[in-house]
Amino acid sequence: MQIEVIRVKGHWIAGGNVAFPFLMALLLWYMPKRAKEFTGSCK
């Protein structure tokens, strides 16, 4: 969402490069927790 808004305004490189590593770090931190819950509920 954030990157899309920045890209539309024409500041994709400036804003995207700042936001993207943060979003990736958040994803990498968040996904394993969700995956554990998901696999736990499937068993």
PDB file of N, CA and C in Angstrom:
ATOM      1  N   MET A   1       0.843  -1.202   0.000  1.00  0.00           N
ATOM      2  CA  MET A   1       0.000   0.000   0.000  1.00  0.00           C
ATOM      3  C   MET A   1       0.880   1.253   0.000  1.00  0.00           C
ATOM      4  N   GLN A   2       1.825   1.283   0.938  1.00  0.00           N
ATOM      5  CA  GLN A   2       2.707   2.444   1.066  1.00  0.00           C
ATOM      6  C   GLN A   2       3.517   2.670  -0.203  1.00  0.00           C
ATOM      7  N   ILE A   3       4.116   1.595  -0.721  1.00  0.00           N
ATOM      8  CA  ILE A   3       4.949   1.716  -1.919  1.00  0.00           C
ATOM      9  C   ILE A   3       4.110   2.157  -3.112  1.00  0.00           C
ATOM     10  N   GLU A   4       2.884   1.648  -3.214  1.00  0.00           N
ATOM     11  CA  GLU A   4       2.000   2.012  -4.324  1.00  0.00           C
ATOM     12  C   GLU A   4       1.701   3.510  -4.306  1.00  0.00           C
ATOM     13  N   VAL A   5       1.385   4.049  -3.133  1.00  0.00           N
ATOM     14  CA  VAL A   5       1.090   5.482  -2.997  1.00  0.00           C
ATOM     15  C   VAL A   5       2.303   6.317  -3.408  1.00  0.00           C
ATOM     16  N   ILE A   6       3.479   5.903  -2.950  1.00  0.00           N
ATOM     17  CA  ILE A   6       4.706   6.636  -3.275  1.00  0.00           C
ATOM     18  C   ILE A   6       4.969   6.597  -4.778  1.00  0.00           C
ATOM     19  N   ARG A   7       4.753   5.440  -5.399  1.00  0.00           N
ATOM     20  CA  ARG A   7       5.024   5.284  -6.833  1.00  0.00           C
ATOM     21  C   ARG A   7       4.105   6.173  -7.656  1.00  0.00           C
ATOM     22  N   VAL A   8       2.844   6.260  -7.248  1.00  0.00           N
ATOM     23  CA  VAL A   8       1.876   7.089  -7.969  1.00  0.00           C
ATOM     24  C   VAL A   8       2.297   8.559  -7.934  1.00  0.00           C
ATOM     25  N   LYS A   9       2.852   9.002  -6.816  1.00  0.00           N
ATOM     26  CA  LYS A   9       3.263  10.402  -6.687  1.00  0.00           C
ATOM     27  C   LYS A   9       4.577  10.701  -7.395  1.00  0.00           C
ATOM     28  N   GLY A  10       5.246   9.677  -7.934  1.00  0.00           N
ATOM     29  CA  GLY A  10       6.462   9.903  -8.706  1.00  0.00           C
ATOM     30  C   GLY A  10       7.741   9.922  -7.875  1.00  0.00           C
ATOM     31  N   HIS A  11       7.653   9.511  -6.612  1.00  0.00           N
ATOM     32  CA  HIS A  11       8.839   9.470  -5.752  1.00  0.00           C
ATOM     33  C   HIS A  11       9.127   8.027  -5.367  1.00  0.00           C
ATOM     34  N   TRP A  12       8.989   7.120  -6.322  1.00  0.00           N
ATOM     35  CA  TRP A  12       9.067   5.693  -6.031  1.00  0.00           C
ATOM     36  C   TRP A  12      10.419   5.291  -5.464  1.00  0.00           C
ATOM     37  N   ILE A  13      11.508   5.789  -6.095  1.00  0.00           N
ATOM     38  CA  ILE A  13      12.852   5.375  -5.673  1.00  0.00           C
ATOM     39  C   ILE A  13      13.155   5.898  -4.269  1.00  0.00           C
ATOM     40  N   ALA A  14      12.870   7.180  -4.023  1.00  0.00           N
ATOM     41  CA  ALA A  14      13.166   7.794  -2.731  1.00  0.00           C
ATOM     42  C   ALA A  14      12.353   7.138  -1.616  1.00  0.00           C
ATOM     43  N   GLY A  15      11.042   7.037  -1.816  1.00  0.00           N
ATOM     44  CA  GLY A  15      10.178   6.491  -0.770  1.00  0.00           C
ATOM     45  C   GLY A  15      10.235   4.975  -0.711  1.00  0.00           C
ATOM     46  N   GLY A  16      10.259   4.335  -1.890  1.00  0.00           N
ATOM     47  CA  GLY A  16      10.232   2.881  -1.948  1.00  0.00           C
ATOM     48  C   GLY A  16      11.437   2.253  -1.271  1.00  0.00           C
ATOM     49  N   ASN A  17      12.619   2.825  -1.515  1.00  0.00           N
ATOM     50  CA  ASN A  17      13.831   2.255  -0.948  1.00  0.00           C
ATOM     51  C   ASN A  17      13.877   2.411   0.573  1.00  0.00           C
ATOM     52  N   VAL A  18      13.207   3.416   1.089  1.00  0.00           N
ATOM     53  CA  VAL A  18      13.144   3.597   2.542  1.00  0.00           C
ATOM     54  C   VAL A  18      12.139   2.623   3.152  1.00  0.00           C
ATOM     55  N   ALA A  19      10.979   2.485   2.509  1.00  0.00           N
ATOM     56  CA  ALA A  19       9.901   1.674   3.071  1.00  0.00           C
ATOM     57  C   ALA A  19      10.116   0.181   2.843  1.00  0.00           C
ATOM     58  N   PHE A  20      10.717  -0.188   1.719  1.00  0.00           N
ATOM     59  CA  PHE A  20      10.777  -1.593   1.323  1.00  0.00           C
ATOM     60  C   PHE A  20      11.549  -2.479   2.302  1.00  0.00           C
ATOM     61  N   PRO A  21      12.773  -2.104   2.717  1.00  0.00           N
ATOM     62  CA  PRO A  21      13.495  -2.949   3.685  1.00  0.00           C
ATOM     63  C   PRO A  21      12.721  -3.126   4.982  1.00  0.00           C
ATOM     64  N   PHE A  22      12.033  -2.076   5.413  1.00  0.00           N
ATOM     65  CA  PHE A  22      11.230  -2.150   6.632  1.00  0.00           C
ATOM     66  C   PHE A  22      10.079  -3.129   6.461  1.00  0.00           C
ATOM     67  N   LEU A  23       9.399  -3.050   5.316  1.00  0.00           N
ATOM     68  CA  LEU A  23       8.293  -3.967   5.043  1.00  0.00           C
ATOM     69  C   LEU A  23       8.782  -5.403   4.945  1.00  0.00           C
ATOM     70  N   MET A  24       9.928  -5.616   4.328  1.00  0.00           N
ATOM     71  CA  MET A  24      10.492  -6.963   4.200  1.00  0.00           C
ATOM     72  C   MET A  24      10.862  -7.522   5.564  1.00  0.00           C
ATOM     73  N   ALA A  25      11.460  -6.678   6.421  1.00  0.00           N
ATOM     74  CA  ALA A  25      11.823  -7.122   7.763  1.00  0.00           C
ATOM     75  C   ALA A  25      10.574  -7.494   8.555  1.00  0.00           C
ATOM     76  N   LEU A  26       9.536  -6.684   8.421  1.00  0.00           N
ATOM     77  CA  LEU A  26       8.278  -6.948   9.105  1.00  0.00           C
ATOM     78  C   LEU A  26       7.676  -8.260   8.625  1.00  0.00           C
ATOM     79  N   LEU A  27       7.722  -8.486   7.316  1.00  0.00           N
ATOM     80  CA  LEU A  27       7.195  -9.718   6.729  1.00  0.00           C
ATOM     81  C   LEU A  27       7.956 -10.934   7.241  1.00  0.00           C
ATOM     82  N   LEU A  28       9.291 -10.849   7.232  1.00  0.00           N
ATOM     83  CA  LEU A  28      10.117 -11.973   7.669  1.00  0.00           C
ATOM     84  C   LEU A  28       9.898 -12.278   9.148  1.00  0.00           C
ATOM     85  N   TRP A  29       9.607 -11.242   9.949  1.00  0.00           N
ATOM     86  CA  TRP A  29       9.337 -11.434  11.372  1.00  0.00           C
ATOM     87  C   TRP A  29       7.932 -11.984  11.596  1.00  0.00           C
ATOM     88  N   TYR A  30       6.985 -11.536  10.760  1.00  0.00           N
ATOM     89  CA  TYR A  30       5.569 -11.843  10.957  1.00  0.00           C
ATOM     90  C   TYR A  30       5.189 -13.213  10.404  1.00  0.00           C
ATOM     91  N   MET A  31       5.719 -13.568   9.246  1.00  0.00           N
ATOM     92  CA  MET A  31       5.316 -14.798   8.558  1.00  0.00           C
ATOM     93  C   MET A  31       5.600 -16.076   9.343  1.00  0.00           C
ATOM     94  N   PRO A  32       6.787 -16.263   9.938  1.00  0.00           N
ATOM     95  CA  PRO A  32       7.025 -17.498  10.700  1.00  0.00           C
ATOM     96  C   PRO A  32       6.015 -17.705  11.819  1.00  0.00           C
ATOM     97  N   LYS A  33       5.615 -16.628  12.483  1.00  0.00           N
ATOM     98  CA  LYS A  33       4.626 -16.734  13.561  1.00  0.00           C
ATOM     99  C   LYS A  33       3.286 -17.192  13.004  1.00  0.00           C
ATOM    100  N   ARG A  34       2.886 -16.613  11.882  1.00  0.00           N
ATOM    101  CA  ARG A  34       1.621 -16.994  11.237  1.00  0.00           C
ATOM    102  C   ARG A  34       1.696 -18.424  10.714  1.00  0.00           C
ATOM    103  N   ALA A  35       2.844 -18.802  10.153  1.00  0.00           N
ATOM    104  CA  ALA A  35       3.024 -20.149   9.612  1.00  0.00           C
ATOM    105  C   ALA A  35       2.904 -21.186  10.726  1.00  0.00           C
ATOM    106  N   LYS A  36       3.453 -20.877  11.896  1.00  0.00           N
ATOM    107  CA  LYS A  36       3.376 -21.792  13.035  1.00  0.00           C
ATOM    108  C   LYS A  36       1.927 -21.977  13.465  1.00  0.00           C
ATOM    109  N   GLU A  37       1.188 -20.885  13.537  1.00  0.00           N
ATOM    110  CA  GLU A  37      -0.234 -20.956  13.892  1.00  0.00           C
ATOM    111  C   GLU A  37      -1.000 -21.763  12.851  1.00  0.00           C
ATOM    112  N   PHE A  38      -0.691 -21.522  11.583  1.00  0.00           N
ATOM    113  CA  PHE A  38      -1.404 -22.167  10.480  1.00  0.00           C
ATOM    114  C   PHE A  38      -1.160 -23.677  10.474  1.00  0.00           C
ATOM    115  N   THR A  39       0.102 -24.086  10.608  1.00  0.00           N
ATOM    116  CA  THR A  39       0.419 -25.511  10.609  1.00  0.00           C
ATOM    117  C   THR A  39      -0.134 -26.177  11.862  1.00  0.00           C
ATOM    118  N   GLY A  40      -0.155 -25.429  12.965  1.00  0.00           N
ATOM    119  CA  GLY A  40      -0.706 -25.974  14.213  1.00  0.00           C
ATOM    120  C   GLY A  40      -2.199 -26.230  14.103  1.00  0.00           C
ATOM    121  N   SER A  41      -2.908 -25.342  13.417  1.00  0.00           N
ATOM    122  CA  SER A  41      -4.361 -25.490  13.288  1.00  0.00           C
ATOM    123  C   SER A  41      -4.724 -26.557  12.255  1.00  0.00           C
ATOM    124  N   CYS A  42      -3.807 -26.867  11.339  1.00  0.00           N
ATOM    125  CA  CYS A  42      -4.084 -27.872  10.300  1.00  0.00           C
ATOM    126  C   CYS A  42      -4.000 -29.290  10.855  1.00  0.00           C
ATOM    127  N   LYS A  43      -3.145 -29.501  11.844  1.00  0.00           N
ATOM    128  CA  LYS A  43      -2.951 -30.857  12.382  1.00  0.00           C
ATOM    129  C   LYS A  43      -4.183 -31.352  13.124  1.00  0.00           C
TER     130      LYS A  43
END
